[in-house]
């Protein structure tokens, strides 16, 4: 098996395993106690905090260990908003933030606060000028991930931080994906991360609050972790997290160069090997190990099962792999194809041979899924076909991704050039995938109209 889903959770680093086993014997006591065992546990905790702070680039007393990266995000946003409630209740987030940030924004808005969502371009990048334009006198906090968890696009944190600093607004950076590769540059105010993203044990998060940032921890007061994280510290896991972060940083430069070569191989070769594919995310400003692409006429869940049977563990943002049956909010915000989406995220140490084997398996896996779905086999534009009508109606109500797009592709040749096809669909993914199909196929997407059930998506044949 080849594990290609490190963006979800990286395999436990050998250094983390060693540190975890060693600290289980030494770090079990209460670090708040003054007796020998407590002092020993406190030394381990303090050493781990110093190591993690050095990796982040902050003071040890600015760093708090939390029970997860999600808990760090929730506590960071809640505390920063509460600390600046006299300024206002306006929050800024990007459209591609991790769900933990967006869920916090939803709770804030439901409680009477206001939220501005900054859009991204087709590569998934925010514009610093858009963040600057969103800043208001009542803005309490802005949030921006350092790099995207689904497509790997790196964000202009330094420029956004400058705009926020000039306006006197703190910036919280979700650095979960990028921290293993290096410090987050820029004058940010708060930072969050999660150990299982860099090969540390799950259940350890980092929350950094810079000195001078107004911060009011929410919930019952707890004496642990400066009152910012309640509960007894999991010292063995914390020690393992800090040790593995230091270890991956020591390997980061060489491993980043190697993984960039492997992901670039995938970015270039997949469109050559598989027809009707869109590679998404920024081609240059991206994390070393992540590459994402979407395949027309493919059921994402079925494709993931095919790849799993072939020995590859990958992830997907397709709606058919989601319990909500909606496409990834990241792909939706980017306006790219979501059907048949595959995210490959390579863990450090991935052999080149595994990538070559993946590239050899992928074409047949995609072709098998397309054949099962009855998808068009030719990628050429449809030839002219006589028709008595300049418009066709395709009823795809009740049919899920990618069937509406497949049915559109099958009939586009049945209308004359300049004629239209009206696709009726109640599948949320159609709103994203039909315009993406038009762009890939050189057809004209006219727009959507309300229908008795769902929506009508109108496509004009260009060629």
Protein backbone atom coordinates (compact mmCIF):
# COMPACT_ATOMS: atom_id res chain seq x y z
CA UNK A 1 0.00 0.00 0.00
CA UNK A 2 1.09 3.55 -0.75
CA UNK A 3 -0.28 6.16 1.65
CA UNK A 4 -0.90 9.40 -0.27
CA UNK A 5 -3.06 11.33 2.24
CA UNK A 6 -0.49 13.06 4.44
CA UNK A 7 -2.46 16.33 4.34
CA UNK A 8 -5.09 14.60 6.48
CA UNK A 9 -2.64 12.92 8.83
CA UNK A 10 1.05 12.16 8.36
CA UNK A 11 2.40 8.78 9.50
CA UNK A 12 3.95 8.87 12.96
CA UNK A 13 7.57 10.02 12.65
CA UNK A 14 10.16 7.60 14.12
CA UNK A 15 11.45 10.37 16.39
CA UNK A 16 7.91 10.92 17.68
CA UNK A 17 7.56 7.23 18.43
CA UNK A 18 10.84 7.16 20.35
CA UNK A 19 10.03 10.33 22.31
CA UNK A 20 6.53 9.09 23.12
CA UNK A 21 7.76 5.79 24.48
CA UNK A 22 10.52 7.41 26.54
CA UNK A 23 8.31 10.12 28.03
CA UNK A 24 5.60 7.64 29.03
CA UNK A 25 7.98 6.55 31.79
CA UNK A 26 9.12 10.05 32.77
CA UNK A 27 6.22 12.39 32.07
CA UNK A 28 3.21 10.83 33.77
CA UNK A 29 3.14 13.00 36.91
CA UNK A 30 1.38 16.34 37.45
CA UNK A 31 3.76 19.10 36.25
CA UNK A 32 2.12 21.53 38.66
CA UNK A 33 3.38 19.59 41.71
CA UNK A 34 6.63 20.35 43.52
CA UNK A 35 7.78 16.83 44.31
CA UNK A 36 10.41 15.03 42.25
CA UNK A 37 8.09 13.32 39.75
CA UNK A 38 6.19 16.58 39.20
CA UNK A 39 9.41 18.54 38.67
CA UNK A 40 10.58 15.94 36.14
CA UNK A 41 7.30 16.23 34.24
CA UNK A 42 7.55 20.03 34.33
CA UNK A 43 11.05 19.90 32.85
CA UNK A 44 9.78 17.75 29.98
CA UNK A 45 6.84 20.09 29.36
CA UNK A 46 9.01 23.21 29.45
CA UNK A 47 11.58 21.67 27.11
CA UNK A 48 8.87 20.70 24.65
CA UNK A 49 7.42 24.21 24.77
CA UNK A 50 10.81 25.77 24.10
CA UNK A 51 11.46 23.43 21.16
CA UNK A 52 8.04 24.12 19.63
CA UNK A 53 8.41 27.87 20.16
CA UNK A 54 11.79 27.85 18.44
CA UNK A 55 10.26 26.07 15.44
CA UNK A 56 7.36 28.53 15.28
CA UNK A 57 9.50 31.61 15.91
CA UNK A 58 7.83 32.87 19.06
CA UNK A 59 8.49 33.14 22.80
CA UNK A 60 7.82 30.01 24.87
CA UNK A 61 5.35 31.90 27.06
CA UNK A 62 3.34 32.81 23.95
CA UNK A 63 2.72 29.16 23.05
CA UNK A 64 -0.06 26.99 24.47
CA UNK A 65 -0.55 23.27 23.92
CA UNK A 66 -4.17 22.34 23.17
CA UNK A 67 -5.99 19.05 22.71
CA UNK A 68 -6.11 19.42 18.89
CA UNK A 69 -5.55 21.84 16.03
CA UNK A 70 -9.30 22.37 15.81
CA UNK A 71 -9.43 23.26 19.50
CA UNK A 72 -6.57 25.70 18.95
CA UNK A 73 -8.51 27.41 16.14
CA UNK A 74 -11.73 27.61 18.14
CA UNK A 75 -9.98 28.92 21.26
CA UNK A 76 -7.88 31.37 19.26
CA UNK A 77 -10.82 32.90 17.42
CA UNK A 78 -13.07 33.00 20.49
CA UNK A 79 -10.38 34.53 22.68
CA UNK A 80 -9.30 37.14 20.16
CA UNK A 81 -12.88 38.21 19.39
CA UNK A 82 -13.70 38.42 23.09
CA UNK A 83 -10.54 40.38 23.84
CA UNK A 84 -11.45 43.00 21.23
CA UNK A 85 -15.21 43.14 21.74
CA UNK A 86 -14.98 46.87 22.54
CA UNK A 87 -13.56 47.48 19.06
CA UNK A 88 -16.38 45.64 17.31
CA UNK A 89 -17.68 42.25 16.27
CA UNK A 90 -16.53 42.08 12.66
CA UNK A 91 -14.56 38.99 11.57
CA UNK A 92 -12.75 38.43 8.25
CA UNK A 93 -12.04 34.97 6.82
CA UNK A 94 -11.10 33.66 3.39
CA UNK A 95 -13.45 31.45 1.39
CA UNK A 96 -11.01 28.52 1.51
CA UNK A 97 -10.25 28.37 5.23
CA UNK A 98 -10.32 25.05 7.05
CA UNK A 99 -13.79 24.06 8.24
CA UNK A 100 -12.76 24.72 11.86
CA UNK A 101 -12.33 28.42 11.02
CA UNK A 102 -15.55 28.60 9.00
CA UNK A 103 -17.52 26.84 11.73
CA UNK A 104 -16.22 29.37 14.25
CA UNK A 105 -17.31 32.15 11.90
CA UNK A 106 -20.79 30.63 11.67
CA UNK A 107 -21.12 30.52 15.46
CA UNK A 108 -19.90 34.13 15.70
CA UNK A 109 -22.43 35.28 13.11
CA UNK A 110 -25.26 33.35 14.76
CA UNK A 111 -24.44 35.17 18.01
CA UNK A 112 -24.87 38.57 16.34
CA UNK A 113 -21.42 39.20 14.92
CA UNK A 114 -20.69 40.03 11.30
CA UNK A 115 -18.43 38.09 8.93
CA UNK A 116 -16.80 39.09 5.65
CA UNK A 117 -15.65 36.23 3.44
CA UNK A 118 -12.80 37.19 1.10
CA UNK A 119 -12.97 35.37 -2.28
CA UNK A 120 -10.09 33.60 -4.01
CA UNK A 121 -9.03 33.35 -7.64
CA UNK A 122 -9.10 30.16 -9.70
CA UNK A 123 -5.77 29.08 -8.19
CA UNK A 124 -7.19 29.42 -4.68
CA UNK A 125 -5.22 32.55 -3.75
CA UNK A 126 -6.57 35.57 -1.89
CA UNK A 127 -5.67 39.08 -2.92
CA UNK A 128 -4.03 41.21 -0.20
CA UNK A 129 -5.93 44.20 -1.56
CA UNK A 130 -9.21 42.32 -0.98
CA UNK A 131 -8.27 41.78 2.66
CA UNK A 132 -7.31 45.44 2.98
CA UNK A 133 -10.65 46.46 1.47
CA UNK A 134 -12.52 44.22 3.92
CA UNK A 135 -10.97 45.87 6.99
CA UNK A 136 -13.35 48.16 8.89
CA UNK A 137 -13.17 50.28 12.05
CA UNK A 138 -15.12 47.55 13.87
CA UNK A 139 -12.97 44.64 12.64
CA UNK A 140 -11.92 42.60 15.65
CA UNK A 141 -9.99 39.82 13.91
CA UNK A 142 -8.87 38.54 10.50
CA UNK A 143 -8.05 34.89 9.71
CA UNK A 144 -5.96 33.45 6.89
CA UNK A 145 -4.46 30.00 6.40
CA UNK A 146 -0.80 29.92 5.41
CA UNK A 147 -1.44 27.21 2.81
CA UNK A 148 -4.54 25.38 1.67
CA UNK A 149 -5.20 21.89 2.94
CA UNK A 150 -6.93 20.64 -0.24
CA UNK A 151 -4.99 22.10 -3.16
CA UNK A 152 -1.72 23.18 -1.52
CA UNK A 153 -1.88 26.83 -2.60
CA UNK A 154 0.24 29.11 -0.41
CA UNK A 155 -1.30 32.40 0.68
CA UNK A 156 0.35 35.87 0.79
CA UNK A 157 0.43 35.95 4.58
CA UNK A 158 3.16 38.59 4.82
CA UNK A 159 1.25 41.11 2.68
CA UNK A 160 -2.07 40.46 4.41
CA UNK A 161 -0.39 40.78 7.82
CA UNK A 162 1.04 44.16 6.79
CA UNK A 163 -2.41 45.42 5.84
CA UNK A 164 -3.90 44.15 9.09
CA UNK A 165 -1.09 45.62 11.19
CA UNK A 166 -1.54 49.01 9.53
CA UNK A 167 -5.22 48.90 10.48
CA UNK A 168 -4.49 47.71 14.03
CA UNK A 169 -6.25 44.38 13.46
CA UNK A 170 -4.72 41.08 14.66
CA UNK A 171 -4.28 38.32 12.09
CA UNK A 172 -4.76 34.67 13.07
CA UNK A 173 -2.86 32.26 10.79
CA UNK A 174 -3.86 28.61 10.50
CA UNK A 175 -0.44 27.08 9.83
CA UNK A 176 -1.45 23.43 10.13
CA UNK A 177 -0.26 22.47 6.64
CA UNK A 178 2.80 24.69 6.27
CA UNK A 179 4.49 24.63 9.69
CA UNK A 180 6.38 21.35 9.02
CA UNK A 181 8.12 23.09 6.10
CA UNK A 182 9.16 26.30 7.83
CA UNK A 183 8.16 29.31 9.87
CA UNK A 184 5.27 31.49 8.78
CA UNK A 185 6.70 34.79 7.65
CA UNK A 186 5.04 38.12 8.35
CA UNK A 187 3.85 40.12 11.31
CA UNK A 188 0.99 37.82 12.34
CA UNK A 189 -0.63 38.00 15.78
CA UNK A 190 -1.98 34.51 16.45
CA UNK A 191 -1.08 31.11 15.00
CA UNK A 192 -2.52 27.61 15.22
CA UNK A 193 -1.19 24.20 14.16
CA UNK A 194 -1.75 20.47 14.69
CA UNK A 195 0.88 17.83 15.44
CA UNK A 196 -0.64 15.02 13.39
CA UNK A 197 0.04 17.09 10.24
CA UNK A 198 3.81 16.74 10.69
CA UNK A 199 4.09 13.20 11.98
CA UNK A 200 3.44 13.88 15.63
CA UNK A 201 0.74 12.09 17.63
CA UNK A 202 -2.88 13.11 17.22
CA UNK A 203 -4.46 15.07 20.06
CA UNK A 204 -1.86 17.86 20.27
CA UNK A 205 -2.42 21.35 18.88
CA UNK A 206 -0.54 24.64 19.15
CA UNK A 207 -2.00 28.06 19.88
CA UNK A 208 0.35 31.03 19.80
CA UNK A 209 -0.80 34.45 21.01
CA UNK A 210 1.77 37.19 20.59
CA UNK A 211 2.48 39.53 23.49
CA UNK A 212 0.38 42.66 23.22
CA UNK A 213 -2.59 40.96 21.52
CA UNK A 214 -5.81 41.48 23.46
CA UNK A 215 -7.01 37.98 24.30
CA UNK A 216 -9.73 36.80 26.69
CA UNK A 217 -9.94 33.00 27.07
CA UNK A 218 -13.52 31.76 26.99
CA UNK A 219 -15.14 29.09 29.15
CA UNK A 220 -14.44 28.18 32.76
CA UNK A 221 -11.12 29.45 34.08
CA UNK A 222 -8.40 26.79 34.31
CA UNK A 223 -4.92 27.25 35.75
CA UNK A 224 -3.35 25.03 33.07
CA UNK A 225 -1.56 26.49 30.04
CA UNK A 226 -1.96 30.11 31.18
CA UNK A 227 -5.71 29.61 31.34
CA UNK A 228 -5.95 29.09 27.57
CA UNK A 229 -6.35 25.29 27.48
CA UNK A 230 -8.22 23.43 30.19
CA UNK A 231 -7.22 20.03 31.49
CA UNK A 232 -4.20 17.98 32.42
CA UNK A 233 -1.47 18.25 29.79
CA UNK A 234 -0.75 15.09 27.80
CA UNK A 235 2.98 15.39 28.39
CA UNK A 236 4.14 12.27 26.49
CA UNK A 237 2.19 13.38 23.39
CA UNK A 238 3.39 16.97 23.75
CA UNK A 239 7.01 15.85 24.01
CA UNK A 240 6.61 13.61 20.96
CA UNK A 241 4.96 16.44 19.01
CA UNK A 242 7.79 18.87 19.73
CA UNK A 243 10.49 16.29 19.01
CA UNK A 244 8.95 15.31 15.68
CA UNK A 245 8.49 18.95 14.64
CA UNK A 246 12.18 19.58 15.25
CA UNK A 247 13.05 16.40 13.32
CA UNK A 248 10.94 17.17 10.24
CA UNK A 249 12.31 20.71 10.18
CA UNK A 250 15.87 19.33 10.06
CA UNK A 251 14.87 17.29 7.00
CA UNK A 252 12.57 19.90 5.44
CA UNK A 253 14.83 21.55 2.85
CA UNK A 254 16.03 18.36 1.20
CA UNK A 255 12.66 16.61 1.46
CA UNK A 256 10.77 19.61 0.07
CA UNK A 257 12.92 19.64 -3.05
CA UNK A 258 12.40 15.92 -3.55
CA UNK A 259 8.63 16.03 -3.04
CA UNK A 260 8.28 19.05 -5.33
CA UNK A 261 9.87 17.01 -8.11
CA UNK A 262 7.45 14.14 -7.48
CA UNK A 263 4.32 16.30 -7.36
CA UNK A 264 5.45 18.20 -10.44
CA UNK A 265 5.75 14.84 -12.20
CA UNK A 266 2.13 14.14 -11.28
CA UNK A 267 0.97 17.61 -12.35
CA UNK A 268 2.56 17.21 -15.77
CA UNK A 269 1.91 13.55 -16.45
CA UNK A 270 -1.72 13.18 -15.33
CA UNK A 271 -3.17 15.43 -18.10
CA UNK A 272 -0.99 13.57 -20.61
CA UNK A 273 -2.14 10.15 -19.46
CA UNK A 274 -5.80 10.84 -18.67
CA UNK A 275 -8.05 12.86 -21.01
CA UNK A 276 -10.43 15.51 -19.66
CA UNK A 277 -8.55 16.33 -16.48
CA UNK A 278 -8.15 19.69 -14.72
CA UNK A 279 -5.16 20.12 -12.39
CA UNK A 280 -6.10 22.70 -9.75
CA UNK A 281 -4.19 24.94 -7.35
CA UNK A 282 -1.32 27.33 -7.92
CA UNK A 283 1.38 25.78 -10.07
CA UNK A 284 4.25 27.59 -8.34
CA UNK A 285 3.24 28.92 -4.92
CA UNK A 286 2.22 25.65 -3.34
CA UNK A 287 3.27 23.20 -0.67
CA UNK A 288 5.84 20.57 -1.68
CA UNK A 289 3.77 17.41 -1.30
CA UNK A 290 0.24 18.26 -2.44
CA UNK A 291 -1.22 18.00 -5.95
CA UNK A 292 -4.92 17.94 -6.79
CA UNK A 293 -6.77 17.19 -10.01
CA UNK A 294 -10.35 16.56 -11.12
CA UNK A 295 -11.55 14.15 -13.82
CA UNK A 296 -14.60 14.78 -15.99
CA UNK A 297 -17.33 12.13 -16.05
CA UNK A 298 -16.03 10.39 -12.93
CA UNK A 299 -17.70 9.50 -9.65
CA UNK A 300 -15.12 10.52 -7.03
CA UNK A 301 -16.12 7.88 -4.50
CA UNK A 302 -15.92 5.08 -7.03
CA UNK A 303 -12.52 6.30 -8.23
CA UNK A 304 -11.18 6.37 -4.67
CA UNK A 305 -12.33 2.77 -4.19
CA UNK A 306 -10.64 1.74 -7.44
CA UNK A 307 -7.38 3.38 -6.36
CA UNK A 308 -7.64 1.83 -2.91
CA UNK A 309 -7.97 -1.62 -4.48
CA UNK A 310 -4.89 -0.82 -6.55
CA UNK A 311 -2.95 -0.01 -3.37
CA UNK A 312 -3.21 3.79 -3.09
CA UNK A 313 -4.78 5.80 -0.27
CA UNK A 314 -5.86 9.22 -1.57
CA UNK A 315 -8.44 11.82 -0.64
CA UNK A 316 -11.13 13.69 -2.59
CA UNK A 317 -13.21 16.86 -2.49
CA UNK A 318 -15.94 15.50 -4.77
CA UNK A 319 -19.51 15.81 -3.55
CA UNK A 320 -20.06 12.06 -3.96
CA UNK A 321 -17.43 11.41 -1.27
CA UNK A 322 -19.11 13.78 1.19
CA UNK A 323 -21.86 12.94 3.65
CA UNK A 324 -23.51 16.26 2.76
CA UNK A 325 -23.45 15.51 -1.00
CA UNK A 326 -22.02 18.98 -1.62
CA UNK A 327 -18.68 19.63 -3.30
CA UNK A 328 -15.69 20.81 -1.33
CA UNK A 329 -16.11 24.44 -0.26
CA UNK A 330 -12.52 25.01 -1.41
CA UNK A 331 -13.14 23.79 -4.97
CA UNK A 332 -16.44 25.66 -5.01
CA UNK A 333 -14.79 28.93 -3.99
CA UNK A 334 -12.15 28.45 -6.69
CA UNK A 335 -14.78 27.75 -9.35
CA UNK A 336 -13.01 24.63 -10.62
CA UNK A 337 -14.25 21.19 -11.57
CA UNK A 338 -15.14 19.10 -8.52
CA UNK A 339 -16.28 15.78 -10.00
CA UNK A 340 -13.73 12.99 -9.92
CA UNK A 341 -11.50 15.02 -7.64
CA UNK A 342 -8.32 13.40 -6.32
CA UNK A 343 -5.95 14.93 -3.77
CA UNK A 344 -2.52 13.35 -3.61
CA UNK A 345 -0.51 14.44 -0.56
CA UNK A 346 2.81 12.69 -0.27
CA UNK A 347 4.34 12.05 3.16
CA UNK A 348 8.09 12.59 3.62
CA UNK A 349 10.04 9.60 2.43
CA UNK A 350 7.64 8.65 -0.36
CA UNK A 351 9.60 6.54 -2.88
CA UNK A 352 9.73 7.75 -6.46
CA UNK A 353 8.69 4.26 -7.54
CA UNK A 354 5.34 4.65 -5.76
CA UNK A 355 4.56 7.78 -7.77
CA UNK A 356 5.48 6.03 -11.02
CA UNK A 357 3.25 3.11 -10.08
CA UNK A 358 0.38 5.51 -9.28
CA UNK A 359 0.74 7.11 -12.71
CA UNK A 360 0.63 3.69 -14.35
CA UNK A 361 -2.52 2.64 -12.46
CA UNK A 362 -4.53 5.88 -12.70
CA UNK A 363 -5.48 5.85 -16.43
CA UNK A 364 -7.12 2.43 -16.27
CA UNK A 365 -8.86 3.27 -12.99
CA UNK A 366 -10.40 6.42 -14.50
CA UNK A 367 -11.32 4.62 -17.73
CA UNK A 368 -13.05 1.84 -15.78
CA UNK A 369 -15.15 4.32 -13.81
CA UNK A 370 -16.11 6.25 -16.93
CA UNK A 371 -17.11 3.05 -18.71
CA UNK A 372 -19.35 2.02 -15.81
CA UNK A 373 -21.07 5.41 -15.92
CA UNK A 374 -21.51 5.37 -19.70
CA UNK A 375 -19.43 8.52 -20.12
CA UNK A 376 -18.45 9.88 -23.57
CA UNK A 377 -15.22 8.32 -24.78
CA UNK A 378 -14.06 10.96 -27.27
CA UNK A 379 -12.64 14.26 -26.09
CA UNK A 380 -13.10 15.96 -29.46
CA UNK A 381 -15.86 18.59 -29.92
CA UNK A 382 -19.19 17.12 -31.10
CA UNK A 383 -19.85 17.13 -34.80
CA UNK A 384 -22.83 19.05 -36.22
CA UNK A 385 -26.07 17.13 -36.01
CA UNK A 386 -29.39 17.99 -37.65
CA UNK A 387 -32.11 19.04 -35.24
CA UNK A 388 -35.57 20.52 -35.47
CA UNK A 389 -35.02 22.58 -32.33
CA UNK A 390 -32.46 25.14 -31.26
CA UNK A 391 -32.87 24.01 -27.65
CA UNK A 392 -32.82 20.68 -25.89
CA UNK A 393 -33.92 19.99 -22.33
CA UNK A 394 -32.03 17.39 -20.28
CA UNK A 395 -33.91 16.23 -17.20
CA UNK A 396 -31.27 15.20 -14.64
CA UNK A 397 -33.43 15.79 -11.58
CA UNK A 398 -32.65 13.31 -8.83
CA UNK A 399 -29.33 12.33 -10.43
CA UNK A 400 -26.05 12.99 -8.68
CA UNK A 401 -22.60 14.05 -9.86
CA UNK A 402 -21.30 13.32 -12.46
CA UNK A 403 -24.47 12.17 -14.30
CA UNK A 404 -25.82 15.68 -15.17
CA UNK A 405 -22.52 16.56 -16.90
CA UNK A 406 -22.38 13.20 -18.68
CA UNK A 407 -25.89 13.67 -20.03
CA UNK A 408 -25.04 17.21 -21.15
CA UNK A 409 -21.95 15.97 -22.99
CA UNK A 410 -23.96 13.28 -24.78
CA UNK A 411 -26.54 15.69 -26.25
CA UNK A 412 -24.56 18.87 -26.95
CA UNK A 413 -24.02 17.66 -30.51
CA UNK A 414 -27.77 17.36 -31.07
CA UNK A 415 -28.28 21.12 -31.24
CA UNK A 416 -26.89 23.37 -33.98
CA UNK A 417 -24.09 25.83 -33.29
CA UNK A 418 -25.71 28.70 -31.44
CA UNK A 419 -28.40 26.44 -30.01
CA UNK A 420 -28.75 25.75 -26.29
CA UNK A 421 -29.08 22.84 -23.91
CA UNK A 422 -31.04 23.36 -20.70
CA UNK A 423 -29.95 20.94 -17.97
CA UNK A 424 -32.44 20.48 -15.13
CA UNK A 425 -30.67 19.41 -11.95
CA UNK A 426 -31.14 19.50 -8.19
CA UNK A 427 -27.58 18.31 -7.50
CA UNK A 428 -25.51 21.01 -5.79
CA UNK A 429 -22.38 19.95 -7.67
CA UNK A 430 -23.98 20.81 -11.03
CA UNK A 431 -23.72 24.50 -10.21
CA UNK A 432 -19.94 24.09 -10.18
CA UNK A 433 -19.30 21.31 -12.65
CA UNK A 434 -21.42 22.46 -15.60
CA UNK A 435 -19.63 25.84 -15.90
CA UNK A 436 -16.30 24.02 -15.46
CA UNK A 437 -17.26 21.58 -18.24
CA UNK A 438 -18.09 24.51 -20.53
CA UNK A 439 -14.69 26.09 -19.91
CA UNK A 440 -12.89 22.81 -20.57
CA UNK A 441 -14.96 22.12 -23.68
CA UNK A 442 -14.98 25.64 -25.14
CA UNK A 443 -18.76 25.95 -24.88
CA UNK A 444 -20.67 29.01 -23.63
CA UNK A 445 -22.18 28.83 -20.16
CA UNK A 446 -25.18 31.15 -20.27
CA UNK A 447 -26.14 30.84 -16.60
CA UNK A 448 -28.64 29.26 -14.26
CA UNK A 449 -32.36 29.88 -13.87
CA UNK A 450 -34.80 28.79 -11.16
CA UNK A 451 -36.91 25.78 -12.11
CA UNK A 452 -39.91 24.08 -10.54
CA UNK A 453 -37.45 21.67 -8.99
CA UNK A 454 -33.79 22.59 -8.65
CA UNK A 455 -32.28 24.80 -11.34
CA UNK A 456 -31.95 24.97 -15.10
CA UNK A 457 -28.35 25.35 -16.28
CA UNK A 458 -28.22 26.82 -19.79
CA UNK A 459 -25.34 26.00 -22.15
CA UNK A 460 -24.94 27.47 -25.66
CA UNK A 461 -23.10 25.39 -28.24
CA UNK A 462 -20.15 27.29 -29.69
CA UNK A 463 -18.55 24.61 -31.88
